[in-house]
Amino acid sequence: MKKLLPILIAAVLMLTWSDAFSQLKIEVGKPLPEWVFQDADKKDHTMNTWPGKVLQINYVDPDESDLNDAFNDYIDKATDVDKRINKEFFKGFGIVDTKSTILPNFAVRSIAGKKAKKYETTILFDYDGTLQSTWGLPKKNYTIIIADKNRICRGVYPGKIEEAEFEKIVQLIIELTKQ
C-alpha cells in the first residue's frame, strides 16, 4: 500500500492539473475575448483601459488571494527595483472572482484594497463569474494570464506558480514589452 500512495497522489494531481487546463476556452496565441468590469469606485474598465501595454491579469478567488504573492513580489522587483520590466509598456492588475467565495462583499473589498495598495494597482470585480464562463477559467483558483499589446494570450498559469517559473515569465513579459 505504501508503494501505491505516491502513485495515487500523482494521479490525483495530474487529473486536477489537466482538469484546470481542459476547461480553458482561451488559448495561447489566440485573441482574448473582451470584458467590462468595475473597480471599487464603480468605474468601468476593459483590457483597452491600458492601450499599448502588456497585461498581467490576475484572476483571483479571494480565498486564494495570497497564493501567488511570491510571484507578484518578483514581478514588482523586476519592475520597480531592477527596472527590467518597463512600466510604460506593462500593467499588472487583479480581477476578483467574487462568485467563487462565500465571503461577504465588505470582506472581499477589504482584501482587494490591501492588495491594490501593496501592489499599487487596479483591482476589478467579476461578480457573475464572467471569466469563468467566457474564458473557461477554473473556479476557486488563482489564474494569471499574460496578454500582449494586441490582446493576444501569451501565457496562462492556473494555480500556484512555482519559483522555477518566475524568471521565464519575467523574460516573456520583457520580450513582449519590446515588441
Protein backbone atom coordinates (compact mmCIF):
# COMPACT_ATOMS: atom_id res chain seq x y z
CA MET A 1 0.00 0.00 0.00
CA LYS A 2 2.85 2.40 0.81
CA LYS A 3 4.19 1.95 -2.72
CA LEU A 4 0.79 2.81 -4.21
CA LEU A 5 0.31 6.02 -2.22
CA PRO A 6 2.79 8.15 -4.26
CA ILE A 7 1.26 6.83 -7.49
CA LEU A 8 -2.27 7.67 -6.30
CA ILE A 9 -1.21 11.14 -5.21
CA ALA A 10 0.50 11.76 -8.57
CA ALA A 11 -2.60 10.55 -10.43
CA VAL A 12 -4.88 12.88 -8.46
CA LEU A 13 -2.54 15.83 -9.07
CA MET A 14 -2.36 15.06 -12.78
CA LEU A 15 -6.15 14.83 -13.05
CA THR A 16 -6.59 18.08 -11.13
CA TRP A 17 -3.97 19.85 -13.27
CA SER A 18 -5.37 18.53 -16.54
CA ASP A 19 -8.91 19.46 -15.43
CA ALA A 20 -7.81 23.07 -14.91
CA PHE A 21 -6.49 23.19 -18.47
CA SER A 22 -9.32 21.18 -20.06
CA GLN A 23 -11.89 23.84 -19.07
CA LEU A 24 -9.96 26.69 -20.65
CA LYS A 25 -11.58 28.37 -23.61
CA ILE A 26 -8.66 30.74 -24.12
CA GLU A 27 -5.56 29.58 -25.93
CA VAL A 28 -2.02 30.84 -26.10
CA GLY A 29 -1.61 32.59 -29.46
CA LYS A 30 -5.31 33.46 -29.78
CA PRO A 31 -7.10 36.79 -29.07
CA LEU A 32 -8.62 37.16 -25.62
CA PRO A 33 -12.37 37.91 -25.58
CA GLU A 34 -13.07 41.40 -24.23
CA TRP A 35 -14.83 42.09 -20.94
CA VAL A 36 -16.03 45.03 -18.84
CA PHE A 37 -15.59 45.07 -15.05
CA GLN A 38 -15.81 47.81 -12.45
CA ASP A 39 -13.31 48.88 -9.83
CA ALA A 40 -14.21 49.80 -6.23
CA ASP A 41 -15.28 53.28 -7.42
CA LYS A 42 -17.70 51.69 -9.94
CA LYS A 43 -15.59 52.89 -12.88
CA ASP A 44 -15.73 50.57 -15.92
CA HIS A 45 -12.52 49.02 -17.21
CA THR A 46 -11.69 46.84 -20.21
CA MET A 47 -8.38 45.48 -21.45
CA ASN A 48 -8.20 48.61 -23.59
CA THR A 49 -8.12 50.79 -20.48
CA TRP A 50 -4.37 50.21 -20.77
CA PRO A 51 -3.65 50.63 -24.51
CA GLY A 52 -0.20 49.68 -25.74
CA LYS A 53 0.65 47.74 -22.59
CA VAL A 54 1.39 44.09 -21.97
CA LEU A 55 -1.07 42.88 -19.34
CA GLN A 56 -0.64 40.54 -16.41
CA ILE A 57 -4.21 39.67 -15.46
CA ASN A 58 -4.54 38.05 -12.03
CA TYR A 59 -7.95 36.32 -11.83
CA VAL A 60 -8.34 35.53 -8.15
CA ASP A 61 -10.76 33.78 -5.85
CA PRO A 62 -10.49 35.86 -2.64
CA ASP A 63 -9.94 32.64 -0.67
CA GLU A 64 -6.73 32.13 -2.70
CA SER A 65 -5.60 35.77 -2.67
CA ASP A 66 -2.13 35.05 -1.23
CA LEU A 67 -1.34 32.05 -3.45
CA ASN A 68 0.91 33.94 -5.89
CA ASP A 69 2.25 36.72 -3.67
CA ALA A 70 5.82 35.47 -4.11
CA PHE A 71 5.43 35.65 -7.90
CA ASN A 72 3.87 39.13 -7.77
CA ASP A 73 6.65 40.31 -5.44
CA TYR A 74 9.15 39.02 -8.03
CA ILE A 75 7.32 40.95 -10.78
CA ASP A 76 7.34 44.09 -8.62
CA LYS A 77 11.07 43.76 -8.03
CA ALA A 78 11.72 43.27 -11.76
CA THR A 79 9.61 46.37 -12.47
CA ASP A 80 10.26 48.80 -9.63
CA VAL A 81 13.69 47.87 -8.26
CA ASP A 82 15.64 46.24 -11.08
CA LYS A 83 13.82 48.23 -13.81
CA ARG A 84 13.95 45.19 -16.12
CA ILE A 85 10.25 45.48 -16.98
CA ASN A 86 9.39 48.87 -18.44
CA LYS A 87 6.30 50.20 -16.62
CA GLU A 88 5.49 52.36 -19.62
CA PHE A 89 4.62 49.17 -21.53
CA PHE A 90 3.37 46.87 -18.75
CA LYS A 91 0.38 46.72 -16.40
CA GLY A 92 -0.42 44.07 -13.84
CA PHE A 93 -3.84 44.13 -12.20
CA GLY A 94 -6.34 41.92 -10.42
CA ILE A 95 -9.84 40.73 -11.19
CA VAL A 96 -11.60 39.34 -8.13
CA ASP A 97 -13.73 36.27 -8.79
CA THR A 98 -16.39 37.12 -6.22
CA LYS A 99 -18.65 34.29 -7.40
CA SER A 100 -16.24 31.65 -6.06
CA THR A 101 -16.27 32.80 -2.46
CA ILE A 102 -18.74 32.82 0.40
CA LEU A 103 -17.01 35.85 1.90
CA PRO A 104 -19.25 38.91 2.18
CA ASN A 105 -18.57 41.81 -0.19
CA PHE A 106 -17.13 44.02 2.57
CA ALA A 107 -14.50 41.36 3.33
CA VAL A 108 -13.70 40.92 -0.36
CA ARG A 109 -13.32 44.68 -0.77
CA SER A 110 -11.03 44.78 2.26
CA ILE A 111 -8.77 42.06 0.82
CA ALA A 112 -8.81 43.76 -2.60
CA GLY A 113 -7.99 47.14 -1.07
CA LYS A 114 -4.95 45.73 0.73
CA LYS A 115 -3.69 44.08 -2.49
CA ALA A 116 -4.29 47.25 -4.52
CA LYS A 117 -2.27 49.24 -2.02
CA LYS A 118 0.52 46.66 -1.69
CA TYR A 119 1.00 46.31 -5.46
CA GLU A 120 -0.05 49.86 -6.39
CA THR A 121 -2.53 48.54 -8.91
CA THR A 122 -6.14 48.37 -10.01
CA ILE A 123 -8.49 45.71 -8.68
CA LEU A 124 -11.66 44.91 -10.61
CA PHE A 125 -14.65 42.80 -9.58
CA ASP A 126 -16.23 39.91 -11.52
CA TYR A 127 -19.48 39.44 -9.59
CA ASP A 128 -21.08 36.98 -12.01
CA GLY A 129 -18.15 34.70 -12.82
CA THR A 130 -18.00 36.11 -16.35
CA LEU A 131 -14.43 34.95 -16.97
CA GLN A 132 -15.27 31.50 -15.65
CA SER A 133 -17.78 31.12 -18.47
CA THR A 134 -16.26 33.17 -21.32
CA TRP A 135 -12.61 32.28 -20.73
CA GLY A 136 -13.20 28.91 -19.04
CA LEU A 137 -11.12 29.89 -16.01
CA PRO A 138 -11.26 27.47 -13.09
CA LYS A 139 -13.40 28.25 -10.06
CA LYS A 140 -11.86 28.63 -6.62
CA ASN A 141 -8.41 29.26 -8.05
CA TYR A 142 -5.82 31.89 -8.90
CA THR A 143 -5.01 32.13 -12.60
CA ILE A 144 -2.54 34.51 -14.22
CA ILE A 145 -2.93 35.40 -17.89
CA ILE A 146 -0.31 37.30 -19.89
CA ALA A 147 -1.68 39.29 -22.85
CA ASP A 148 0.43 41.14 -25.39
CA LYS A 149 -0.26 44.70 -26.56
CA ASN A 150 -2.73 43.37 -29.15
CA ARG A 151 -4.61 41.33 -26.51
CA ILE A 152 -3.32 38.01 -27.78
CA CYS A 153 -2.95 35.45 -25.00
CA ARG A 154 0.76 34.69 -24.46
CA GLY A 155 0.56 32.68 -21.24
CA VAL A 156 -1.95 31.03 -18.91
CA TYR A 157 -0.85 29.94 -15.45
CA PRO A 158 -3.58 28.36 -13.28
CA GLY A 159 -2.77 27.73 -9.62
CA LYS A 160 0.44 28.47 -7.79
CA ILE A 161 3.37 29.49 -9.97
CA GLU A 162 6.50 27.70 -8.86
CA GLU A 163 9.63 29.76 -8.22
CA ALA A 164 11.46 27.97 -11.04
CA GLU A 165 8.97 29.58 -13.49
CA PHE A 166 9.27 33.18 -12.23
CA GLU A 167 12.18 34.26 -14.40
CA LYS A 168 10.76 32.58 -17.53
CA ILE A 169 7.58 34.60 -17.18
CA VAL A 170 9.51 37.81 -16.50
CA GLN A 171 11.53 37.20 -19.67
CA LEU A 172 8.30 36.65 -21.62
CA ILE A 173 6.94 39.97 -20.32
CA ILE A 174 10.19 41.79 -21.13
CA GLU A 175 10.19 40.36 -24.65
CA LEU A 176 6.56 41.34 -25.20
CA THR A 177 7.10 44.92 -23.95
CA LYS A 178 9.83 45.39 -26.55
CA GLN A 179 7.58 44.43 -29.47
